[in-house]
Amino acid sequence: MIAILAALSAALAIAAGAFGAHGAASPQAAEWLRTGGLYQLIHAVAVLTIMGITRGGALLLLIGAAFFAVSLYAMALGCPRWLGAVTPIGGAMMIGGWLWAAFAYWQRG
């Protein structure tokens, strides 16, 4: 299930980036879409890479990237800017996922 969600996350990231490049309403909206898409895509690939080592870390990366990117996408589409407060929560979750992965790899030797 994690791999399916990671693949869908990558597809959404590409769609967001394409919309940001061709249909965003403003330069700020385009930047939010580009940033969200970049982080989401990188973390979707990372999830596929590390899920065999640490499913918990992979899941934390996936959820964190979703919080991070979707909050930016929502603001780009006109939702209230207070959603920007959710973005750093996703960032913190991604950092946690990377630390979890580092610990899992360290334990493996």
C-alpha atoms as a PDB file:
ATOM      1  CA  MET A   1       0.000   0.000   0.000  1.00  0.00           C
ATOM      2  CA  ILE A   2       2.850   2.418   0.781  1.00  0.00           C
ATOM      3  CA  ALA A   3       4.308   1.929  -2.707  1.00  0.00           C
ATOM      4  CA  ILE A   4       0.929   2.626  -4.333  1.00  0.00           C
ATOM      5  CA  LEU A   5       0.530   5.808  -2.305  1.00  0.00           C
ATOM      6  CA  ALA A   6       4.091   6.879  -3.161  1.00  0.00           C
ATOM      7  CA  ALA A   7       3.428   6.367  -6.872  1.00  0.00           C
ATOM      8  CA  LEU A   8       0.184   8.355  -6.652  1.00  0.00           C
ATOM      9  CA  SER A   9       2.047  11.050  -4.720  1.00  0.00           C
ATOM     10  CA  ALA A  10       4.619  11.292  -7.515  1.00  0.00           C
ATOM     11  CA  ALA A  11       1.838  11.596 -10.102  1.00  0.00           C
ATOM     12  CA  LEU A  12       0.208  14.409  -8.117  1.00  0.00           C
ATOM     13  CA  ALA A  13       3.571  16.161  -7.801  1.00  0.00           C
ATOM     14  CA  ILE A  14       4.060  16.116 -11.571  1.00  0.00           C
ATOM     15  CA  ALA A  15       0.519  17.420 -12.127  1.00  0.00           C
ATOM     16  CA  ALA A  16       1.048  20.234  -9.621  1.00  0.00           C
ATOM     17  CA  GLY A  17       4.344  21.220 -11.215  1.00  0.00           C
ATOM     18  CA  ALA A  18       2.798  21.227 -14.679  1.00  0.00           C
ATOM     19  CA  PHE A  19      -0.114  23.334 -13.505  1.00  0.00           C
ATOM     20  CA  GLY A  20       2.304  25.715 -11.826  1.00  0.00           C
ATOM     21  CA  ALA A  21       4.248  26.082 -15.063  1.00  0.00           C
ATOM     22  CA  HIS A  22       1.238  26.557 -17.323  1.00  0.00           C
ATOM     23  CA  GLY A  23      -1.888  27.558 -15.422  1.00  0.00           C
ATOM     24  CA  ALA A  24      -1.075  29.243 -12.131  1.00  0.00           C
ATOM     25  CA  ALA A  25      -2.935  32.463 -11.448  1.00  0.00           C
ATOM     26  CA  SER A  26       0.086  34.361 -10.132  1.00  0.00           C
ATOM     27  CA  PRO A  27       3.847  34.076  -9.751  1.00  0.00           C
ATOM     28  CA  GLN A  28       3.366  33.290  -6.028  1.00  0.00           C
ATOM     29  CA  ALA A  29       0.917  30.484  -6.840  1.00  0.00           C
ATOM     30  CA  ALA A  30       3.363  29.099  -9.413  1.00  0.00           C
ATOM     31  CA  GLU A  31       6.151  29.117  -6.816  1.00  0.00           C
ATOM     32  CA  TRP A  32       4.001  27.310  -4.237  1.00  0.00           C
ATOM     33  CA  LEU A  33       3.091  24.670  -6.826  1.00  0.00           C
ATOM     34  CA  ARG A  34       6.713  24.282  -7.917  1.00  0.00           C
ATOM     35  CA  THR A  35       7.997  23.983  -4.336  1.00  0.00           C
ATOM     36  CA  GLY A  36       5.267  21.574  -3.276  1.00  0.00           C
ATOM     37  CA  GLY A  37       5.749  19.467  -6.399  1.00  0.00           C
ATOM     38  CA  LEU A  38       9.512  19.286  -5.982  1.00  0.00           C
ATOM     39  CA  TYR A  39       9.393  18.205  -2.345  1.00  0.00           C
ATOM     40  CA  GLN A  40       6.543  15.779  -2.955  1.00  0.00           C
ATOM     41  CA  LEU A  41       8.257  14.151  -5.927  1.00  0.00           C
ATOM     42  CA  ILE A  42      11.610  13.780  -4.188  1.00  0.00           C
ATOM     43  CA  HIS A  43       9.974  12.223  -1.163  1.00  0.00           C
ATOM     44  CA  ALA A  44       7.804   9.865  -3.227  1.00  0.00           C
ATOM     45  CA  VAL A  45      10.971   8.461  -4.797  1.00  0.00           C
ATOM     46  CA  ALA A  46      12.679   8.338  -1.402  1.00  0.00           C
ATOM     47  CA  VAL A  47       9.748   6.378   0.034  1.00  0.00           C
ATOM     48  CA  LEU A  48      10.040   3.808  -2.740  1.00  0.00           C
ATOM     49  CA  THR A  49      13.757   3.574  -2.033  1.00  0.00           C
ATOM     50  CA  ILE A  50      13.706   3.172   1.760  1.00  0.00           C
ATOM     51  CA  MET A  51      10.468   1.300   2.433  1.00  0.00           C
ATOM     52  CA  GLY A  52      12.293  -2.028   2.414  1.00  0.00           C
ATOM     53  CA  ILE A  53      14.574  -0.797   5.214  1.00  0.00           C
ATOM     54  CA  THR A  54      12.140   1.207   7.329  1.00  0.00           C
ATOM     55  CA  ARG A  55       8.433   1.203   6.644  1.00  0.00           C
ATOM     56  CA  GLY A  56       7.851   3.607   9.543  1.00  0.00           C
ATOM     57  CA  GLY A  57      10.350   6.117   8.199  1.00  0.00           C
ATOM     58  CA  ALA A  58       8.940   5.742   4.696  1.00  0.00           C
ATOM     59  CA  LEU A  59       5.406   6.340   5.942  1.00  0.00           C
ATOM     60  CA  LEU A  60       6.493   9.409   7.912  1.00  0.00           C
ATOM     61  CA  LEU A  61       8.176  10.813   4.772  1.00  0.00           C
ATOM     62  CA  LEU A  62       5.041  10.161   2.734  1.00  0.00           C
ATOM     63  CA  ILE A  63       2.672  11.771   5.241  1.00  0.00           C
ATOM     64  CA  GLY A  64       5.013  14.711   5.842  1.00  0.00           C
ATOM     65  CA  ALA A  65       5.378  15.370   2.127  1.00  0.00           C
ATOM     66  CA  ALA A  66       1.585  15.271   1.775  1.00  0.00           C
ATOM     67  CA  PHE A  67       1.078  17.820   4.563  1.00  0.00           C
ATOM     68  CA  PHE A  68       3.830  20.029   3.148  1.00  0.00           C
ATOM     69  CA  ALA A  69       2.798  19.920  -0.495  1.00  0.00           C
ATOM     70  CA  VAL A  70      -0.980  19.876  -0.146  1.00  0.00           C
ATOM     71  CA  SER A  71      -0.938  22.942   2.107  1.00  0.00           C
ATOM     72  CA  LEU A  72       1.039  24.804  -0.583  1.00  0.00           C
ATOM     73  CA  TYR A  73      -1.242  23.510  -3.365  1.00  0.00           C
ATOM     74  CA  ALA A  74      -4.306  24.642  -1.450  1.00  0.00           C
ATOM     75  CA  MET A  75      -2.936  28.167  -1.022  1.00  0.00           C
ATOM     76  CA  ALA A  76      -1.984  28.274  -4.712  1.00  0.00           C
ATOM     77  CA  LEU A  77      -5.577  27.413  -5.572  1.00  0.00           C
ATOM     78  CA  GLY A  78      -6.941  30.250  -3.439  1.00  0.00           C
ATOM     79  CA  CYS A  79      -7.522  28.691  -0.035  1.00  0.00           C
ATOM     80  CA  PRO A  80      -6.780  30.842   3.031  1.00  0.00           C
ATOM     81  CA  ARG A  81      -3.146  31.622   3.692  1.00  0.00           C
ATOM     82  CA  TRP A  82      -3.412  30.372   7.275  1.00  0.00           C
ATOM     83  CA  LEU A  83      -2.945  26.926   5.709  1.00  0.00           C
ATOM     84  CA  GLY A  84       0.698  27.948   5.428  1.00  0.00           C
ATOM     85  CA  ALA A  85       0.919  27.087   9.130  1.00  0.00           C
ATOM     86  CA  VAL A  86       0.512  23.418   8.152  1.00  0.00           C
ATOM     87  CA  THR A  87       3.519  23.488   5.811  1.00  0.00           C
ATOM     88  CA  PRO A  88       6.206  23.413   8.535  1.00  0.00           C
ATOM     89  CA  ILE A  89       4.405  20.520  10.258  1.00  0.00           C
ATOM     90  CA  GLY A  90       4.913  18.521   7.076  1.00  0.00           C
ATOM     91  CA  GLY A  91       8.518  19.683   6.925  1.00  0.00           C
ATOM     92  CA  ALA A  92       9.129  18.526  10.484  1.00  0.00           C
ATOM     93  CA  MET A  93       7.589  15.150   9.644  1.00  0.00           C
ATOM     94  CA  MET A  94       9.892  14.816   6.625  1.00  0.00           C
ATOM     95  CA  ILE A  95      12.910  15.606   8.801  1.00  0.00           C
ATOM     96  CA  GLY A  96      11.694  12.977  11.258  1.00  0.00           C
ATOM     97  CA  GLY A  97      11.352  10.453   8.459  1.00  0.00           C
ATOM     98  CA  TRP A  98      14.910  11.090   7.302  1.00  0.00           C
ATOM     99  CA  LEU A  99      16.216  10.752  10.870  1.00  0.00           C
ATOM    100  CA  TRP A 100      14.272   7.507  11.240  1.00  0.00           C
ATOM    101  CA  ALA A 101      15.814   6.251   8.003  1.00  0.00           C
ATOM    102  CA  ALA A 102      19.296   7.245   9.166  1.00  0.00           C
ATOM    103  CA  PHE A 103      18.801   5.316  12.394  1.00  0.00           C
ATOM    104  CA  ALA A 104      17.482   2.272  10.520  1.00  0.00           C
ATOM    105  CA  TYR A 105      20.491   2.279   8.195  1.00  0.00           C
ATOM    106  CA  TRP A 106      22.841   2.790  11.149  1.00  0.00           C
ATOM    107  CA  GLN A 107      21.341  -0.239  12.902  1.00  0.00           C
ATOM    108  CA  ARG A 108      21.959  -2.345   9.815  1.00  0.00           C
ATOM    109  CA  GLY A 109      25.622  -1.479  10.003  1.00  0.00           C
END
